[in-house]
Amino acid sequence: MAQDYFRVRVSGSVQLAVPLNQIETVLQIDRRLICPIPGVPSGLLGVVNRRGILTWVLDLSHFLELEPLSAPPNRKLAAISLIPADSDAVPDKQTSPKSVACIVEELEGIFTPPKIKPIRKRLKSRLRPILVDLAYYENSGIAILNPTALLHTLYTEANPI
């Protein structure tokens, strides 16, 4: 059975495909409600309170080493809230984020790729587990984001040993 993906534009013309079953919700975040947390990895903007649950807010373009998102201060930020496919893959379930709201430039929509192929281009070592395959959409390859690997990387970068 083919898997559905949600297509997002991260920065400029850069798009990502996110497994639909790993998206908790899409949301608009008022940047004034983001509470900054000192000492966290760059790209993590802070946390927001969503119905009593603290959710990390990540500038996904900055985390992927693209241009940081630039949006007018009064504009709400588009985001997708990710959940891991396998909670056992996250090192410490007590202190690691349960979900992360990834800020993106634009929410593009759902698609079912006709084919998926491995990424053959060299990526930086920290991005290799996060971006493994390409999903094809209208004859273009779009990197598939692995939310579980993203959460794992965020946890290990926030808690170096």
C-alpha atoms as a PDB file:
ATOM      1  CA  MET A   1       0.000   0.000   0.000  1.00  0.00           C
ATOM      2  CA  ALA A   2       1.354   3.426  -0.969  1.00  0.00           C
ATOM      3  CA  GLN A   3       2.108   5.881   1.799  1.00  0.00           C
ATOM      4  CA  ASP A   4       0.803   9.447   1.737  1.00  0.00           C
ATOM      5  CA  TYR A   5       3.084  12.402   2.398  1.00  0.00           C
ATOM      6  CA  PHE A   6       2.545  16.047   3.247  1.00  0.00           C
ATOM      7  CA  ARG A   7       4.583  18.436   1.119  1.00  0.00           C
ATOM      8  CA  VAL A   8       6.000  21.583   2.727  1.00  0.00           C
ATOM      9  CA  ARG A   9       8.186  24.380   1.405  1.00  0.00           C
ATOM     10  CA  VAL A  10      10.994  24.912   3.877  1.00  0.00           C
ATOM     11  CA  SER A  11      13.005  27.734   2.353  1.00  0.00           C
ATOM     12  CA  GLY A  12      12.824  29.317  -1.095  1.00  0.00           C
ATOM     13  CA  SER A  13      12.339  26.462  -3.549  1.00  0.00           C
ATOM     14  CA  VAL A  14      13.392  23.723  -1.090  1.00  0.00           C
ATOM     15  CA  GLN A  15      10.565  21.302  -0.366  1.00  0.00           C
ATOM     16  CA  LEU A  16      10.308  18.302   1.950  1.00  0.00           C
ATOM     17  CA  ALA A  17       7.894  15.399   2.113  1.00  0.00           C
ATOM     18  CA  VAL A  18       6.767  14.304   5.581  1.00  0.00           C
ATOM     19  CA  PRO A  19       5.017  10.963   6.196  1.00  0.00           C
ATOM     20  CA  LEU A  20       1.391  11.864   6.800  1.00  0.00           C
ATOM     21  CA  ASN A  21       1.086   9.334   9.633  1.00  0.00           C
ATOM     22  CA  GLN A  22       3.793  11.210  11.567  1.00  0.00           C
ATOM     23  CA  ILE A  23       2.080  14.594  11.470  1.00  0.00           C
ATOM     24  CA  GLU A  24       0.041  15.269  14.571  1.00  0.00           C
ATOM     25  CA  THR A  25      -1.458  18.472  13.184  1.00  0.00           C
ATOM     26  CA  VAL A  26      -0.748  21.573  11.126  1.00  0.00           C
ATOM     27  CA  LEU A  27      -0.941  24.879  12.930  1.00  0.00           C
ATOM     28  CA  GLN A  28      -0.400  28.599  12.860  1.00  0.00           C
ATOM     29  CA  ILE A  29       1.820  29.890  15.666  1.00  0.00           C
ATOM     30  CA  ASP A  30       1.824  33.452  16.930  1.00  0.00           C
ATOM     31  CA  ARG A  31       5.538  34.121  17.400  1.00  0.00           C
ATOM     32  CA  ARG A  32       4.775  36.279  20.466  1.00  0.00           C
ATOM     33  CA  LEU A  33       3.604  33.107  22.256  1.00  0.00           C
ATOM     34  CA  ILE A  34       6.930  31.291  21.758  1.00  0.00           C
ATOM     35  CA  CYS A  35       8.845  31.173  25.042  1.00  0.00           C
ATOM     36  CA  PRO A  36      12.617  31.111  24.336  1.00  0.00           C
ATOM     37  CA  ILE A  37      14.699  28.542  26.228  1.00  0.00           C
ATOM     38  CA  PRO A  38      18.382  29.375  26.837  1.00  0.00           C
ATOM     39  CA  GLY A  39      21.067  26.820  26.045  1.00  0.00           C
ATOM     40  CA  VAL A  40      19.189  24.834  23.390  1.00  0.00           C
ATOM     41  CA  PRO A  41      20.557  24.086  19.902  1.00  0.00           C
ATOM     42  CA  SER A  42      20.284  26.837  17.327  1.00  0.00           C
ATOM     43  CA  GLY A  43      17.124  26.561  15.331  1.00  0.00           C
ATOM     44  CA  LEU A  44      15.034  25.716  18.393  1.00  0.00           C
ATOM     45  CA  LEU A  45      13.074  28.906  18.925  1.00  0.00           C
ATOM     46  CA  GLY A  46      11.567  27.826  22.250  1.00  0.00           C
ATOM     47  CA  VAL A  47       8.308  26.253  23.366  1.00  0.00           C
ATOM     48  CA  VAL A  48       4.605  27.019  23.033  1.00  0.00           C
ATOM     49  CA  ASN A  49       1.799  25.882  25.277  1.00  0.00           C
ATOM     50  CA  ARG A  50      -0.718  23.907  23.233  1.00  0.00           C
ATOM     51  CA  ARG A  51      -3.690  22.975  25.418  1.00  0.00           C
ATOM     52  CA  GLY A  52      -1.483  22.472  28.461  1.00  0.00           C
ATOM     53  CA  ILE A  53       1.268  20.589  26.614  1.00  0.00           C
ATOM     54  CA  LEU A  54       4.622  22.238  25.934  1.00  0.00           C
ATOM     55  CA  THR A  55       5.662  21.787  22.308  1.00  0.00           C
ATOM     56  CA  TRP A  56       9.134  22.626  21.012  1.00  0.00           C
ATOM     57  CA  VAL A  57       9.197  25.080  18.095  1.00  0.00           C
ATOM     58  CA  LEU A  58      11.911  24.457  15.502  1.00  0.00           C
ATOM     59  CA  ASP A  59      12.932  26.664  12.578  1.00  0.00           C
ATOM     60  CA  LEU A  60      13.291  23.716  10.204  1.00  0.00           C
ATOM     61  CA  SER A  61      15.169  25.684   7.528  1.00  0.00           C
ATOM     62  CA  HIS A  62      17.776  26.798  10.078  1.00  0.00           C
ATOM     63  CA  PHE A  63      18.099  23.258  11.469  1.00  0.00           C
ATOM     64  CA  LEU A  64      18.703  21.903   7.956  1.00  0.00           C
ATOM     65  CA  GLU A  65      21.408  24.568   7.474  1.00  0.00           C
ATOM     66  CA  LEU A  66      19.419  26.572   4.947  1.00  0.00           C
ATOM     67  CA  GLU A  67      18.557  30.255   5.251  1.00  0.00           C
ATOM     68  CA  PRO A  68      16.731  30.903   8.546  1.00  0.00           C
ATOM     69  CA  LEU A  69      13.071  31.692   8.063  1.00  0.00           C
ATOM     70  CA  SER A  70      12.389  35.385   7.696  1.00  0.00           C
ATOM     71  CA  ALA A  71       8.818  36.460   8.255  1.00  0.00           C
ATOM     72  CA  PRO A  72       7.307  39.741   9.413  1.00  0.00           C
ATOM     73  CA  PRO A  73       6.983  39.823  13.227  1.00  0.00           C
ATOM     74  CA  ASN A  74       3.205  40.252  13.084  1.00  0.00           C
ATOM     75  CA  ARG A  75       2.652  37.268  10.745  1.00  0.00           C
ATOM     76  CA  LYS A  76       1.691  33.904  12.216  1.00  0.00           C
ATOM     77  CA  LEU A  77       4.078  31.072  11.444  1.00  0.00           C
ATOM     78  CA  ALA A  78       2.952  27.960   9.555  1.00  0.00           C
ATOM     79  CA  ALA A  79       4.062  24.744  11.237  1.00  0.00           C
ATOM     80  CA  ILE A  80       3.628  20.992  11.227  1.00  0.00           C
ATOM     81  CA  SER A  81       3.650  19.195  14.558  1.00  0.00           C
ATOM     82  CA  LEU A  82       5.626  15.959  14.234  1.00  0.00           C
ATOM     83  CA  ILE A  83       5.389  12.797  16.297  1.00  0.00           C
ATOM     84  CA  PRO A  84       7.856   9.882  16.203  1.00  0.00           C
ATOM     85  CA  ALA A  85       6.728   6.681  14.495  1.00  0.00           C
ATOM     86  CA  ASP A  86       8.495   4.681  17.185  1.00  0.00           C
ATOM     87  CA  SER A  87       8.727   6.185  20.671  1.00  0.00           C
ATOM     88  CA  ASP A  88      11.452   3.644  21.531  1.00  0.00           C
ATOM     89  CA  ALA A  89      13.724   5.344  18.989  1.00  0.00           C
ATOM     90  CA  VAL A  90      13.877   8.491  21.136  1.00  0.00           C
ATOM     91  CA  PRO A  91      16.667   8.024  23.735  1.00  0.00           C
ATOM     92  CA  ASP A  92      14.999   9.363  26.878  1.00  0.00           C
ATOM     93  CA  LYS A  93      11.216   9.407  26.787  1.00  0.00           C
ATOM     94  CA  GLN A  94      11.023  11.432  30.021  1.00  0.00           C
ATOM     95  CA  THR A  95      13.061  14.444  28.912  1.00  0.00           C
ATOM     96  CA  SER A  96      12.963  14.318  25.118  1.00  0.00           C
ATOM     97  CA  PRO A  97      10.336  16.324  23.263  1.00  0.00           C
ATOM     98  CA  LYS A  98       7.101  14.429  22.649  1.00  0.00           C
ATOM     99  CA  SER A  99       6.367  16.558  19.615  1.00  0.00           C
ATOM    100  CA  VAL A 100       8.062  19.316  17.702  1.00  0.00           C
ATOM    101  CA  ALA A 101       6.312  22.042  15.740  1.00  0.00           C
ATOM    102  CA  CYS A 102       8.480  22.628  12.679  1.00  0.00           C
ATOM    103  CA  ILE A 103       8.141  26.108  11.225  1.00  0.00           C
ATOM    104  CA  VAL A 104       7.968  26.093   7.421  1.00  0.00           C
ATOM    105  CA  GLU A 105       7.435  28.747   4.750  1.00  0.00           C
ATOM    106  CA  GLU A 106       4.376  27.121   3.254  1.00  0.00           C
ATOM    107  CA  LEU A 107       2.104  24.112   3.668  1.00  0.00           C
ATOM    108  CA  GLU A 108       1.745  22.618   0.177  1.00  0.00           C
ATOM    109  CA  GLY A 109      -0.574  19.613   0.612  1.00  0.00           C
ATOM    110  CA  ILE A 110      -0.911  15.827   0.565  1.00  0.00           C
ATOM    111  CA  PHE A 111       0.413  13.604  -2.228  1.00  0.00           C
ATOM    112  CA  THR A 112       1.106   9.942  -2.920  1.00  0.00           C
ATOM    113  CA  PRO A 113       4.431   9.556  -4.740  1.00  0.00           C
ATOM    114  CA  PRO A 114       4.512   7.144  -7.687  1.00  0.00           C
ATOM    115  CA  LYS A 115       8.049   6.143  -6.704  1.00  0.00           C
ATOM    116  CA  ILE A 116      10.564   6.534  -3.889  1.00  0.00           C
ATOM    117  CA  LYS A 117      14.320   6.208  -4.343  1.00  0.00           C
ATOM    118  CA  PRO A 118      17.306   6.559  -1.988  1.00  0.00           C
ATOM    119  CA  ILE A 119      19.119   9.897  -1.904  1.00  0.00           C
ATOM    120  CA  ARG A 120      22.415   9.422  -3.722  1.00  0.00           C
ATOM    121  CA  LYS A 121      23.762  12.931  -3.160  1.00  0.00           C
ATOM    122  CA  ARG A 122      26.230  13.353  -0.316  1.00  0.00           C
ATOM    123  CA  LEU A 123      24.726  14.976   2.748  1.00  0.00           C
ATOM    124  CA  LYS A 124      26.350  16.272   5.915  1.00  0.00           C
ATOM    125  CA  SER A 125      26.648  13.461   8.465  1.00  0.00           C
ATOM    126  CA  ARG A 126      24.080  14.957  10.873  1.00  0.00           C
ATOM    127  CA  LEU A 127      21.484  15.153   8.074  1.00  0.00           C
ATOM    128  CA  ARG A 128      21.964  11.630   6.648  1.00  0.00           C
ATOM    129  CA  PRO A 129      19.569   9.850   9.057  1.00  0.00           C
ATOM    130  CA  ILE A 130      17.015  12.654   8.742  1.00  0.00           C
ATOM    131  CA  LEU A 131      16.874  12.778   4.923  1.00  0.00           C
ATOM    132  CA  VAL A 132      17.216   9.258   3.473  1.00  0.00           C
ATOM    133  CA  ASP A 133      14.878   8.935   0.479  1.00  0.00           C
ATOM    134  CA  LEU A 134      13.363  10.976  -2.331  1.00  0.00           C
ATOM    135  CA  ALA A 135       9.633  10.938  -3.049  1.00  0.00           C
ATOM    136  CA  TYR A 136       8.748  11.893  -6.588  1.00  0.00           C
ATOM    137  CA  TYR A 137       6.095  14.529  -7.240  1.00  0.00           C
ATOM    138  CA  GLU A 138       5.444  15.876 -10.736  1.00  0.00           C
ATOM    139  CA  ASN A 139       8.801  14.484 -11.982  1.00  0.00           C
ATOM    140  CA  SER A 140      10.790  16.168  -9.192  1.00  0.00           C
ATOM    141  CA  GLY A 141      12.461  14.432  -6.273  1.00  0.00           C
ATOM    142  CA  ILE A 142      11.537  15.765  -2.842  1.00  0.00           C
ATOM    143  CA  ALA A 143      13.576  14.659   0.181  1.00  0.00           C
ATOM    144  CA  ILE A 144      11.566  12.721   2.748  1.00  0.00           C
ATOM    145  CA  LEU A 145      11.980  13.964   6.321  1.00  0.00           C
ATOM    146  CA  ASN A 146      12.267  11.226   8.955  1.00  0.00           C
ATOM    147  CA  PRO A 147      10.544  12.759  12.035  1.00  0.00           C
ATOM    148  CA  THR A 148      11.816  10.051  14.408  1.00  0.00           C
ATOM    149  CA  ALA A 149      15.428  10.696  13.343  1.00  0.00           C
ATOM    150  CA  LEU A 150      14.834  14.453  13.614  1.00  0.00           C
ATOM    151  CA  LEU A 151      13.596  14.112  17.213  1.00  0.00           C
ATOM    152  CA  HIS A 152      16.536  11.822  18.031  1.00  0.00           C
ATOM    153  CA  THR A 153      19.026  14.327  16.574  1.00  0.00           C
ATOM    154  CA  LEU A 154      17.408  17.212  18.460  1.00  0.00           C
ATOM    155  CA  TYR A 155      17.626  15.244  21.692  1.00  0.00           C
ATOM    156  CA  THR A 156      21.286  14.273  21.225  1.00  0.00           C
ATOM    157  CA  GLU A 157      22.295  17.818  20.227  1.00  0.00           C
ATOM    158  CA  ALA A 158      20.458  19.269  23.237  1.00  0.00           C
ATOM    159  CA  ASN A 159      21.989  16.689  25.619  1.00  0.00           C
ATOM    160  CA  PRO A 160      25.626  16.126  24.581  1.00  0.00           C
ATOM    161  CA  ILE A 161      27.484  13.629  26.743  1.00  0.00           C
END
